[in-house]
Protein backbone atom coordinates (compact mmCIF):
# COMPACT_ATOMS: atom_id res chain seq x y z
CA MET A 1 79.42 94.05 100.51
CA THR A 2 80.41 95.48 97.11
CA THR A 3 83.88 95.69 95.54
CA THR A 4 85.03 97.78 92.58
CA TYR A 5 88.39 96.89 91.05
CA LEU A 6 90.13 99.27 88.62
CA GLU A 7 93.46 99.22 86.79
CA LEU A 8 95.60 101.77 84.97
CA SER A 9 98.24 100.25 82.68
CA GLN A 10 100.13 102.08 79.94
CA ASP A 11 101.87 100.19 77.14
CA ASP A 12 104.73 102.70 76.93
CA GLY A 13 106.18 101.55 80.25
CA GLY A 14 104.29 104.14 82.28
CA ALA A 15 101.75 103.51 85.03
CA HIS A 16 100.89 99.89 85.91
CA LYS A 17 98.76 100.02 89.03
CA PHE A 18 95.39 99.06 90.53
CA TYR A 19 92.80 100.69 92.78
CA GLU A 20 90.15 98.67 94.64
CA VAL A 21 87.26 100.04 96.73
CA THR A 22 85.18 97.80 99.01
CA VAL A 23 82.05 98.97 100.83
CA ASP A 24 80.87 96.83 103.75
CA GLY A 25 78.07 98.65 105.53
CA THR A 26 79.54 101.87 106.91
CA VAL A 27 83.16 100.77 106.31
CA VAL A 28 85.05 101.70 103.14
CA THR A 29 88.32 99.89 102.42
CA VAL A 30 90.68 101.11 99.71
CA ARG A 31 93.51 98.93 98.43
CA TYR A 32 96.00 100.22 95.85
CA GLY A 33 99.47 99.61 94.49
CA ARG A 34 101.37 97.91 91.67
CA ILE A 35 99.46 95.33 89.65
CA GLY A 36 100.32 91.88 90.98
CA ALA A 37 101.35 93.14 94.43
CA ALA A 38 99.35 92.97 97.66
CA GLY A 39 99.22 96.76 97.74
CA GLN A 40 98.54 99.15 100.57
CA THR A 41 95.21 99.27 102.45
CA GLN A 42 93.34 102.14 104.07
CA THR A 43 90.05 101.79 105.96
CA SER A 44 87.53 104.52 106.85
CA THR A 45 84.29 104.32 108.85
CA PHE A 46 81.31 106.63 108.13
CA PRO A 47 78.22 107.50 110.20
CA THR A 48 75.75 105.92 107.76
CA VAL A 49 75.70 103.41 104.91
CA GLN A 50 74.63 106.16 102.51
CA LYS A 51 77.65 108.32 103.38
CA ALA A 52 79.97 105.34 102.99
CA GLN A 53 78.57 104.60 99.53
CA ALA A 54 78.83 108.25 98.51
CA ALA A 55 82.47 108.41 99.64
CA ALA A 56 83.27 105.23 97.69
CA ALA A 57 81.56 106.55 94.57
CA LYS A 58 83.58 109.76 94.81
CA LYS A 59 86.87 107.84 95.08
CA ILE A 60 85.98 105.63 92.10
CA GLY A 61 84.92 108.63 90.01
CA GLU A 62 88.22 110.41 90.70
CA LYS A 63 90.21 107.39 89.51
CA VAL A 64 88.09 106.85 86.39
CA ARG A 65 88.67 110.48 85.40
CA LYS A 66 92.41 109.82 85.71
CA GLY A 67 92.22 106.92 83.25
CA TYR A 68 91.52 103.92 85.47
CA ALA A 69 89.09 101.35 84.05
CA PRO A 70 87.22 98.31 85.44
CA ALA A 71 89.30 95.12 85.21
CA VAL A 72 89.45 91.55 86.40
CA GLN A 73 92.09 91.02 89.05
CA GLY A 74 94.80 88.59 87.95
CA GLN A 75 94.26 88.85 84.18
CA ARG A 76 96.98 91.45 83.63
CA ALA A 77 100.47 90.24 84.53
CA PRO A 78 102.65 92.20 86.97
CA ARG A 79 105.28 94.41 85.39
CA SER A 80 108.75 93.03 85.88
CA VAL A 81 110.98 94.63 88.48
CA THR A 82 114.60 95.28 87.60
CA ARG A 83 117.08 93.48 89.79
CA ARG A 84 120.62 94.65 89.30
CA GLN A 85 122.57 92.07 87.32
CA VAL A 86 126.29 92.33 87.93
CA ALA A 87 129.25 90.27 86.88
CA SER A 88 132.05 89.56 89.32
CA ALA A 89 135.37 88.17 88.18
CA PRO A 90 138.00 86.74 90.56
CA SER A 91 140.61 89.20 91.71
CA THR A 92 144.03 89.02 90.06
CA VAL A 93 145.68 90.53 93.13
CA ARG A 94 147.74 88.07 95.13
CA SER A 95 147.28 89.92 98.41
CA VAL A 96 143.90 89.69 100.13
CA ALA A 97 142.38 92.40 102.30
CA PRO A 98 142.60 91.90 106.11
CA VAL A 99 138.99 90.77 106.69
CA LEU A 100 138.05 90.72 110.38
CA TRP A 101 134.61 89.15 110.04
CA ARG A 102 132.07 88.17 107.41
CA PHE A 103 128.28 87.76 107.69
CA ARG A 104 126.53 85.83 104.92
CA THR A 105 122.94 87.05 104.55
CA GLY A 106 121.84 84.16 102.33
CA SER A 107 120.78 86.32 99.36
CA ALA A 108 122.29 88.94 97.07
CA ALA A 109 122.68 92.16 99.04
CA PHE A 110 123.02 95.80 97.96
CA GLY A 111 122.10 97.84 101.04
CA ILE A 112 124.58 98.88 103.70
CA HIS A 113 124.79 101.58 106.35
CA ILE A 114 127.16 101.96 109.30
CA ASP A 115 126.27 104.30 112.16
CA ASP A 116 127.49 104.91 115.71
CA GLU A 117 125.88 101.76 117.08
CA HIS A 118 125.02 99.39 114.25
CA CYS A 119 125.97 97.88 110.93
CA TRP A 120 122.95 97.51 108.63
CA VAL A 121 122.67 95.19 105.63
CA GLY A 122 119.66 94.49 103.38
CA ASN A 123 119.26 91.75 100.79
CA GLN A 124 117.03 90.66 97.88
CA ALA A 125 115.02 88.34 100.13
CA GLY A 126 113.64 91.39 101.97
CA ASP A 127 115.77 90.78 105.07
CA VAL A 128 117.51 93.63 106.87
CA TYR A 129 119.94 92.71 109.65
CA THR A 130 121.57 94.89 112.27
CA LEU A 131 124.96 93.89 113.67
CA ALA A 132 127.31 95.32 116.27
CA HIS A 133 130.61 96.68 114.98
CA GLY A 134 132.22 93.51 116.29
CA GLY A 135 129.99 91.37 114.06
CA GLU A 136 127.37 90.11 116.52
CA VAL A 137 123.92 89.89 114.87
CA LEU A 138 121.41 91.93 116.91
CA ALA A 139 118.08 91.93 115.05
CA ARG A 140 116.31 91.12 111.82
CA TYR A 141 113.64 93.10 109.96
CA GLN A 142 111.46 91.27 107.44
CA LEU A 143 110.13 93.40 104.58
CA PRO A 144 107.67 92.30 101.88
CA ASP A 145 110.12 92.48 98.96
CA GLY A 146 113.79 92.72 98.00
CA VAL A 147 115.86 95.60 99.38
CA LYS A 148 117.39 97.88 96.74
CA CYS A 149 119.30 100.13 99.12
CA LEU A 150 119.56 101.45 102.68
CA VAL A 151 119.86 105.15 103.45
CA ALA A 152 119.97 107.17 106.65
CA ASP A 153 118.57 110.65 107.28
CA ASP A 154 119.84 111.77 110.67
CA PHE A 155 118.31 109.28 113.17
CA TRP A 156 115.93 107.68 110.65
CA MET A 157 116.83 104.59 108.60
CA TYR A 158 115.05 103.71 105.35
CA ALA A 159 114.98 100.71 103.00
CA GLY A 160 113.93 101.09 99.36
CA CYS A 161 112.29 97.86 98.16
CA ASP A 162 111.24 96.17 94.95
CA ASP A 163 107.54 96.57 95.84
CA GLY A 164 107.92 100.30 95.15
CA ARG A 165 107.81 101.33 98.78
CA VAL A 166 110.32 102.88 101.14
CA TYR A 167 110.17 101.49 104.69
CA ASP A 168 111.13 103.34 107.85
CA LEU A 169 113.19 101.03 110.06
CA SER A 170 113.71 103.46 112.92
CA SER A 171 111.50 101.58 115.38
CA LYS A 172 110.57 97.98 116.17
CA LEU A 173 107.63 98.30 113.78
CA PRO A 174 108.84 98.94 110.21
CA PHE A 175 106.28 100.83 108.15
CA ALA A 176 105.89 102.11 104.59
CA ALA A 177 106.84 105.78 104.79
CA TYR A 178 106.65 106.39 101.02
CA ASP A 179 104.73 104.60 98.27
CA ILE A 180 106.49 105.25 94.96
CA ALA A 181 104.39 105.54 91.79
CA ALA A 182 103.93 102.26 89.96
CA ASP A 183 105.78 103.55 86.89
CA VAL A 184 108.96 104.27 88.89
CA ASP A 185 111.37 101.33 88.92
CA ILE A 186 113.64 102.24 91.86
CA PHE A 187 117.38 101.89 91.26
CA TRP A 188 118.64 104.04 94.13
CA LEU A 189 117.32 106.64 96.55
CA ASP A 190 118.36 109.23 99.11
CA ILE A 191 116.39 111.04 101.80
CA HIS A 192 117.27 114.49 103.10
CA GLU A 193 115.22 116.27 105.79
CA GLY A 194 112.33 113.89 105.13
CA VAL A 195 112.23 114.55 101.36
CA LEU A 196 112.69 111.46 99.19
CA HIS A 197 114.78 111.49 95.99
CA VAL A 198 114.47 108.49 93.65
CA ALA A 199 116.68 107.54 90.71
CA ASP A 200 115.14 104.95 88.39
CA ARG A 201 115.72 102.60 85.48
CA ALA A 202 114.64 105.20 82.90
CA GLY A 203 117.22 107.67 84.20
CA ARG A 204 114.62 109.91 85.83
CA LEU A 205 114.79 111.76 89.12
CA THR A 206 111.59 111.90 91.19
CA VAL A 207 111.20 113.98 94.36
CA ILE A 208 108.48 113.21 96.94
CA ASP A 209 107.74 115.11 100.15
CA HIS A 210 107.14 113.89 103.71
CA GLU A 211 103.39 113.37 103.06
CA ASP A 212 104.22 110.97 100.22
CA GLU A 213 103.06 113.55 97.68
CA HIS A 214 104.87 114.07 94.37
CA GLN A 215 106.84 117.33 94.20
CA TRP A 216 108.71 117.27 90.91
CA ALA A 217 110.44 114.98 88.43
CA ARG A 218 113.13 115.43 85.80
CA GLY A 219 114.18 113.18 82.97
CA GLY A 220 117.88 112.38 82.96
CA ARG A 221 120.20 112.85 80.01
CA GLY A 222 120.83 109.12 79.99
CA GLU A 223 119.34 105.91 81.40
CA HIS A 224 119.91 103.56 84.35
CA ALA A 225 120.39 106.10 87.13
CA TRP A 226 122.26 104.36 89.96
CA MET A 227 123.32 107.56 91.72
CA VAL A 228 121.30 110.07 93.71
CA ARG A 229 122.60 112.12 96.63
CA ALA A 230 121.02 115.18 98.23
CA ASP A 231 121.91 118.01 100.58
CA ASP A 232 120.66 121.53 101.32
CA ARG A 233 122.07 123.00 98.13
CA ALA A 234 121.19 120.44 95.42
CA VAL A 235 120.21 116.93 94.35
CA TYR A 236 123.06 115.13 92.53
CA HIS A 237 121.85 112.64 89.93
CA GLY A 238 124.11 110.26 87.98
CA ASP A 239 123.14 108.19 84.91
CA THR A 240 124.73 106.78 81.75
CA ARG A 241 125.67 110.27 80.52
CA GLY A 242 127.18 111.81 83.65
CA VAL A 243 126.20 113.73 86.78
CA THR A 244 123.63 116.55 86.98
CA ALA A 245 122.96 118.83 89.94
CA HIS A 246 119.36 120.06 90.36
CA ALA A 247 118.07 122.79 92.65
CA PRO A 248 116.15 121.11 95.50
CA ASP A 249 113.17 123.43 95.09
CA GLY A 250 111.71 122.76 91.64
CA GLY A 251 114.52 120.80 90.02
CA THR A 252 116.15 123.51 87.90
CA GLU A 253 119.44 122.24 86.46
CA VAL A 254 122.42 123.86 88.21
CA TRP A 255 125.20 122.05 86.31
CA HIS A 256 125.93 118.92 84.30
CA THR A 257 129.26 117.11 84.00
CA ALA A 258 129.93 114.30 81.55
CA THR A 259 131.85 111.38 83.05
CA GLN A 260 134.20 108.74 81.70
CA GLY A 261 131.58 106.00 81.35
CA ALA A 262 128.15 105.41 82.88
CA VAL A 263 127.78 106.26 86.56
CA LEU A 264 127.31 103.09 88.63
CA PHE A 265 127.55 104.50 92.15
CA GLY A 266 127.62 107.80 94.01
CA TRP A 267 128.99 109.13 97.29
CA GLN A 268 129.08 112.60 98.84
CA GLU A 269 131.06 114.69 101.28
CA ASP A 270 130.37 118.27 102.37
CA ASP A 271 131.88 119.96 99.30
CA ALA A 272 132.21 117.17 96.74
CA VAL A 273 130.34 114.27 95.14
CA TYR A 274 132.06 111.11 93.94
CA ALA A 275 130.91 109.16 90.89
CA GLY A 276 132.15 105.62 90.25
CA THR A 277 131.85 104.69 86.58
CA ALA A 278 131.88 101.75 84.19
CA HIS A 279 135.04 103.20 82.64
CA ARG A 280 137.18 102.17 85.62
CA VAL A 281 137.36 105.55 87.37
CA VAL A 282 135.97 107.49 90.29
CA HIS A 283 135.53 111.24 89.69
CA ARG A 284 135.49 113.81 92.47
CA LEU A 285 133.22 116.68 91.43
CA SER A 286 132.85 120.09 93.03
CA LYS A 287 129.35 120.48 94.44
CA ARG A 288 129.42 124.16 93.60
CA THR A 289 130.45 124.02 89.93
CA GLY A 290 130.51 120.36 88.88
CA ALA A 291 134.18 120.65 87.90
CA VAL A 292 136.21 117.41 88.06
CA GLU A 293 138.68 118.00 90.90
CA ALA A 294 140.38 114.58 90.90
CA THR A 295 140.17 111.21 89.16
CA TYR A 296 140.89 107.87 90.84
CA ARG A 297 141.81 105.13 88.34
CA CYS A 298 140.96 101.47 88.90
CA ASP A 299 141.58 98.40 86.75
CA SER A 300 137.93 97.41 86.17
CA SER A 301 134.44 98.92 86.28
CA VAL A 302 133.73 100.62 89.60
CA TYR A 303 130.71 99.16 91.42
CA SER A 304 131.04 101.22 94.60
CA CYS A 305 133.03 103.96 96.32
CA ALA A 306 133.29 105.72 99.67
CA THR A 307 135.60 108.07 101.55
CA SER A 308 137.02 108.61 104.98
CA PRO A 309 135.75 111.83 106.65
CA GLY A 310 136.48 114.89 104.56
CA GLY A 311 137.65 112.82 101.62
CA ARG A 312 141.13 112.20 103.08
CA TYR A 313 141.10 108.67 101.64
CA VAL A 314 138.98 107.45 98.73
CA PHE A 315 137.98 103.79 98.47
CA ALA A 316 136.59 101.91 95.47
CA GLY A 317 135.35 98.40 94.73
CA ASP A 318 135.58 97.01 91.21
CA ALA A 319 133.99 94.27 89.10
CA ALA A 320 137.02 92.01 89.63
CA SER A 321 136.60 91.45 93.38
CA SER A 322 139.23 94.04 94.32
CA VAL A 323 139.14 97.01 96.67
CA TYR A 324 141.32 100.13 96.32
CA CYS A 325 142.48 102.99 98.53
CA PHE A 326 143.61 106.34 97.08
CA ASP A 327 145.03 109.49 98.58
CA ARG A 328 142.91 112.61 98.14
CA ASP A 329 144.89 113.72 95.07
CA GLY A 330 144.32 110.44 93.21
CA THR A 331 147.48 108.54 94.13
CA ARG A 332 146.75 104.83 94.49
CA LEU A 333 147.96 103.64 97.88
CA TRP A 334 146.89 100.00 97.69
CA LYS A 335 144.79 97.38 95.90
CA LEU A 336 143.73 94.15 97.60
CA GLY A 337 141.36 91.26 96.84
CA THR A 338 138.12 91.13 98.82
CA GLY A 339 138.43 87.37 99.27
CA GLY A 340 134.78 86.88 98.30
CA GLY A 341 133.17 88.76 95.42
CA SER A 342 132.91 92.35 94.21
CA ALA A 343 131.81 95.15 96.53
CA LEU A 344 128.38 96.47 95.48
CA SER A 345 128.33 99.09 98.23
CA MET A 346 130.71 100.22 100.96
CA GLN A 347 131.25 102.58 103.86
CA TYR A 348 134.31 103.57 105.89
CA ARG A 349 134.24 104.13 109.65
CA ASP A 350 136.96 104.29 112.30
CA GLU A 351 139.72 102.65 110.22
CA ARG A 352 137.38 99.90 109.08
CA LEU A 353 135.94 99.47 105.60
CA TYR A 354 132.57 97.69 105.44
CA LEU A 355 131.60 96.04 102.15
CA VAL A 356 128.50 94.32 100.77
CA THR A 357 129.64 91.87 98.10
CA THR A 358 128.11 89.99 95.19
CA ASP A 359 127.83 86.79 97.25
CA GLY A 360 125.45 88.54 99.68
CA SER A 361 127.98 89.03 102.47
CA LEU A 362 128.63 91.96 104.78
CA VAL A 363 132.40 92.13 105.21
CA CYS A 364 134.41 94.12 107.75
CA VAL A 365 137.95 94.98 106.59
CA ASP A 366 140.67 96.37 108.86
CA ALA A 367 141.72 99.43 106.83
CA SER A 368 144.34 100.68 109.29
CA GLU A 369 147.80 101.39 107.85
CA ALA A 370 149.42 98.61 109.87
CA ALA A 371 146.85 95.99 108.81
CA VAL A 372 147.05 96.94 105.13
CA THR A 373 150.88 96.87 105.18
CA ALA A 374 150.80 93.41 106.71
CA ALA A 375 148.24 92.25 104.13
CA GLN A 376 150.43 93.45 101.28
CA GLN A 377 153.17 91.21 102.71
CA GLY A 378 150.77 88.27 102.85
CA SER A 379 149.87 88.39 106.55
CA VAL A 380 146.13 88.62 107.18
CA PRO A 381 143.96 87.67 110.16
CA VAL A 382 141.70 84.63 110.05
CA ALA A 383 138.28 86.03 109.14
CA ARG A 384 135.52 85.15 111.60
CA ASP A 385 132.38 83.73 110.00
CA VAL A 386 129.45 85.35 111.84
CA LYS A 387 126.49 83.09 112.66
CA LEU A 388 122.86 83.96 113.39
CA ALA A 389 121.80 83.87 117.03
CA ALA A 390 119.37 81.09 117.96
CA ALA A 391 116.76 83.54 119.32
CA LEU A 392 117.11 86.58 117.09
CA PRO A 393 114.59 89.44 117.57
CA THR A 394 112.56 89.73 114.35
CA TYR A 395 110.42 92.71 113.36
CA ARG A 396 107.87 92.58 110.52
CA ALA A 397 106.43 95.48 108.59
CA ALA A 398 103.11 96.92 109.75
CA THR A 399 100.48 96.49 107.03
CA ALA A 400 97.31 97.52 108.91
CA ALA A 401 96.17 99.19 112.12
CA GLU A 402 95.55 95.77 113.65
CA SER A 403 99.30 95.06 113.60
CA VAL A 404 99.97 97.93 116.02
CA THR A 405 99.99 97.31 119.79
CA THR A 406 97.17 99.04 121.67
CA VAL A 407 97.66 100.83 125.00
CA THR A 408 95.00 102.31 127.28
CA ALA A 409 97.03 105.29 128.45
CA ALA A 410 99.95 107.36 127.18
CA PRO A 411 103.17 106.62 129.12
CA ALA A 412 104.90 109.54 130.80
CA GLY A 413 107.06 111.52 128.38
CA SER A 414 105.37 110.15 125.25
CA VAL A 415 103.55 112.19 122.58
CA VAL A 416 99.96 111.71 121.42
CA VAL A 417 99.02 112.27 117.77
CA GLU A 418 95.61 112.13 116.08
CA CYS A 419 94.41 111.22 112.57
CA VAL A 420 92.20 113.96 111.10
CA ARG A 421 90.47 114.54 107.76
CA ASP A 422 91.86 117.52 105.85
CA GLY A 423 90.68 118.30 102.34
CA GLY A 424 89.87 114.71 101.49
CA ARG A 425 93.12 113.32 102.90
CA THR A 426 93.94 111.88 106.30
CA ARG A 427 96.60 113.92 108.10
CA ILE A 428 98.30 113.46 111.46
CA HIS A 429 98.56 116.28 114.01
CA VAL A 430 100.12 116.40 117.48
CA VAL A 431 97.59 116.87 120.28
CA SER A 432 100.07 116.87 123.19
CA ASP A 433 100.96 120.25 124.69
CA GLY A 434 104.05 122.10 123.53
CA TYR A 435 103.78 121.36 119.80
CA ASP A 436 102.35 123.26 116.82
CA PRO A 437 98.91 121.65 116.21
CA SER A 438 98.84 122.90 112.60
CA TRP A 439 101.96 120.97 111.51
CA ASN A 440 101.54 117.58 109.84
CA VAL A 441 103.34 114.52 111.18
CA GLN A 442 105.08 112.05 108.86
CA PHE A 443 103.28 108.84 109.74
CA PRO A 444 102.58 105.35 108.32
CA ARG A 445 99.82 105.59 105.72
CA ALA A 446 98.71 101.99 106.27
CA ILE A 447 97.56 102.69 109.83
CA ARG A 448 95.91 106.09 109.35
CA GLU A 449 92.26 106.08 110.37
CA PRO A 450 90.25 109.28 110.93
CA GLY A 451 89.68 109.86 114.63
CA ALA A 452 92.28 107.33 115.78
CA ARG A 453 94.94 108.41 118.26
CA TYR A 454 98.43 106.98 118.59
CA VAL A 455 101.21 107.26 121.16
CA VAL A 456 104.79 107.73 119.95
CA ASP A 457 108.02 107.96 121.88
CA ALA A 458 108.90 111.37 120.45
CA VAL A 459 108.43 113.73 117.51
CA HIS A 460 111.11 115.98 116.04
CA ALA A 461 110.67 119.17 114.01
CA ALA A 462 111.99 119.00 110.44
CA ALA A 463 113.26 121.93 108.39
CA GLY A 464 110.25 121.76 106.06
CA GLY A 465 107.77 122.63 108.80
CA PHE A 466 106.52 119.19 109.83
CA TYR A 467 107.20 116.59 112.54
CA ARG A 468 108.88 113.21 112.22
CA VAL A 469 108.07 110.30 114.52
CA ARG A 470 110.87 108.71 116.52
CA GLY A 471 110.57 105.41 118.35
CA ASP A 472 107.71 102.98 118.77
CA ILE A 473 104.12 103.61 117.64
CA ARG A 474 101.19 102.32 119.71
CA ARG A 475 97.46 102.85 119.26
CA LEU A 476 95.67 104.66 122.09
CA GLY A 477 92.39 102.94 122.83
């Protein structure tokens, strides 16, 4: 067995990654990722030892030509990962929001998403929990590193993590759907129709397609880009200098709007984007022109914002542990204390406002008119402290093909896909009847192996001309 270990590290803050190739008889194993991390592994089997050695030599040669050089693993220190440092002062508001329940995750949390069935929360320990709307904890996903944010794209749920990967949480087997370049320090991300949009520490915007292949990148006008939102018409990117809209195909700038202070959070509705800033305001910007249509004024830096459907009500969370509600035109309707830290992210649904706060809690607030009126008069419900269930289902990320359950036959109604070699890369195609065999399938890279077949619950066509897996993944053997 022979192993070749290479590294590419740039002193200007650029790439900082490794590439390792191991040849063991006819098996070639490639491991790659950020220096200091476990990395991602891919294994290929060849007909003869000579062909395996030739394939390994080709891979090594390609990396050397790109600037990689032989190194000793462990001598170069990992590059630090930015974890958002935020200050949270006590609220000066006497009235506290009507909190219905609170779930303490045990670690600082930034990710939140509320859908028809679940409440999702992700924290810096790499834990993602799902809860019912009533607060009951349903399941736990364990990821390899801290969760930066949670985003949904139709049915699919994704977690952006500090290890530079984006994990698909849509089945019981979380997998790395995207592996971000080592020089991209994720601050926030959004996914639209399977295309990933990443905002990073340097203020850049990076766009990656469903096959985890880089499409385009643009440098921001400022730094520390905490906002990225995407739809069919544009990608909306907010940094320390304002908000810029880029065309989704190629990244041409459509408009730029300076904001009152650095953008710390972003939200979108059909026709408008909302930018919460360090200068104590939320701006509503026209998606078409970038014009400021309304401004919502708070009393401290805005850490998060959200709206009710259509932007009828606008909510904001500030650095002083307070939460606000505004009418569409900017009139402040109420301000209440959160009762437990500043809201780092939020989402409104069915007269409830869900917050993730600086103490790592997921909080459910009754935002109905009656409850808020009572709270302003000092009458609030006793918040229920949600506890973990004794036997909580726990799902861990798949890191290799061996972690996938094997079945001997495809269940009725399932779809069979196959790993094939295509131009030096391993692609996934559907082999079941009724699907286009030329379309690629978005699939976990860690478990791709030429010739292997997998069974999935379903695949769905995406607008970009590819399929997306839905449900559980099992190896067919």
